[in-house]
Each structure stands twice: as structure tokens, then as C-alpha cells.
Amino acid sequence: MVRDGSPDYEDTGMFGINIHRGGYNTTSSLGCQTIHPTQWDSFINLAKDQASRIWGQRWNKEVVPYILIDNKGQV
């Protein structure tokens, strides 16, 4: 994987791609999906609510799968 940097660099091996709160002026991330800070609380509360509906009290012990789709305005 080629990561953004100055200059760009190649990264190999095992590393996680996560969803986390981004910054106001930048994504503040290398490879992860970020959520704008003003939308983070709504996003994480919805994710926790749905995970607890599926897994009950075990919700925070499970991995929540998701798919990120590049819509390009088609849907």
C-alpha cells in the first residue's frame, strides 16, 4: 500500500484500517475512514445502538463488519 506522506511511502505488513473521528480541516488519518467531528457522536451512538440490538450485552466484544461503497452520485 502506498501511503500519503512527504514523500509518499510504501507500507507493508499487518495494519488496521479503522473508522475514527477526523479533524476539522484534515482527515487526520493515513488509510482509515474518518467521520467529521460534528457527526461523530451521532455516528458512534447509532453504531452502538445497532450493535447492542444484534449482540445484546456482548456488543462491545464483537467486530462490526461494514462495506464502504464509492457511490459517485449513482444512488
Protein backbone atom coordinates (compact mmCIF):
# COMPACT_ATOMS: atom_id res chain seq x y z
CA MET A 1 0.00 0.00 0.00
CA VAL A 2 1.29 3.46 -0.84
CA ARG A 3 0.56 5.96 1.92
CA ASP A 4 0.39 9.71 1.67
CA GLY A 5 3.39 11.43 3.12
CA SER A 6 6.16 13.77 2.21
CA PRO A 7 7.23 11.99 0.09
CA ASP A 8 4.70 9.16 -0.38
CA TYR A 9 5.99 5.87 1.01
CA GLU A 10 5.18 2.17 0.72
CA ASP A 11 3.86 0.40 3.83
CA THR A 12 3.74 -3.39 4.07
CA GLY A 13 2.72 -5.84 6.76
CA MET A 14 -0.24 -6.02 9.09
CA PHE A 15 -2.02 -2.79 9.99
CA GLY A 16 -5.58 -1.87 10.82
CA ILE A 17 -7.96 0.23 8.82
CA ASN A 18 -10.48 1.75 11.20
CA ILE A 19 -13.24 4.31 11.46
CA HIS A 20 -12.47 7.22 13.77
CA ARG A 21 -13.20 10.88 14.37
CA GLY A 22 -11.49 13.09 11.81
CA GLY A 23 -10.29 16.64 12.09
CA TYR A 24 -11.97 19.90 11.14
CA ASN A 25 -9.51 20.79 8.38
CA THR A 26 -7.98 17.43 7.51
CA THR A 27 -8.83 13.76 7.72
CA SER A 28 -6.08 13.31 10.33
CA SER A 29 -5.62 9.74 9.17
CA LEU A 30 -3.47 7.52 7.00
CA GLY A 31 -5.74 4.94 5.41
CA CYS A 32 -8.63 4.96 7.87
CA GLN A 33 -12.16 6.14 7.20
CA THR A 34 -12.91 9.27 9.21
CA ILE A 35 -16.13 10.89 10.38
CA HIS A 36 -16.34 14.69 10.64
CA PRO A 37 -16.13 15.77 14.32
CA THR A 38 -19.63 17.29 14.30
CA GLN A 39 -21.08 13.97 13.07
CA TRP A 40 -19.02 11.63 15.28
CA ASP A 41 -21.33 11.45 18.32
CA SER A 42 -24.39 10.67 16.16
CA PHE A 43 -22.46 8.05 14.20
CA ILE A 44 -20.98 6.24 17.22
CA ASN A 45 -24.28 6.30 19.14
CA LEU A 46 -26.09 4.79 16.16
CA ALA A 47 -23.39 2.14 15.75
CA LYS A 48 -23.56 1.23 19.46
CA ASP A 49 -27.36 1.08 19.37
CA GLN A 50 -27.42 -1.23 16.36
CA ALA A 51 -24.61 -3.44 17.72
CA SER A 52 -26.45 -3.86 21.03
CA ARG A 53 -29.62 -4.84 19.15
CA ILE A 54 -27.71 -7.59 17.33
CA TRP A 55 -25.35 -8.85 20.05
CA GLY A 56 -27.02 -7.71 23.29
CA GLN A 57 -24.61 -7.29 26.20
CA ARG A 58 -21.77 -8.69 24.07
CA TRP A 59 -22.00 -5.74 21.64
CA ASN A 60 -18.61 -4.29 22.62
CA LYS A 61 -16.84 -7.65 22.25
CA GLU A 62 -17.77 -8.13 18.60
CA VAL A 63 -16.34 -6.84 15.34
CA VAL A 64 -18.93 -4.92 13.36
CA PRO A 65 -18.44 -5.60 9.64
CA TYR A 66 -19.16 -2.86 7.14
CA ILE A 67 -18.66 -2.08 3.48
CA LEU A 68 -17.63 1.34 2.20
CA ILE A 69 -19.02 1.98 -1.27
CA ASP A 70 -17.93 4.75 -3.62
CA ASN A 71 -21.36 5.92 -4.76
CA LYS A 72 -20.28 8.61 -7.27
CA GLY A 73 -23.82 10.03 -7.17
CA GLN A 74 -25.47 6.96 -8.74
CA VAL A 75 -27.80 6.10 -5.85
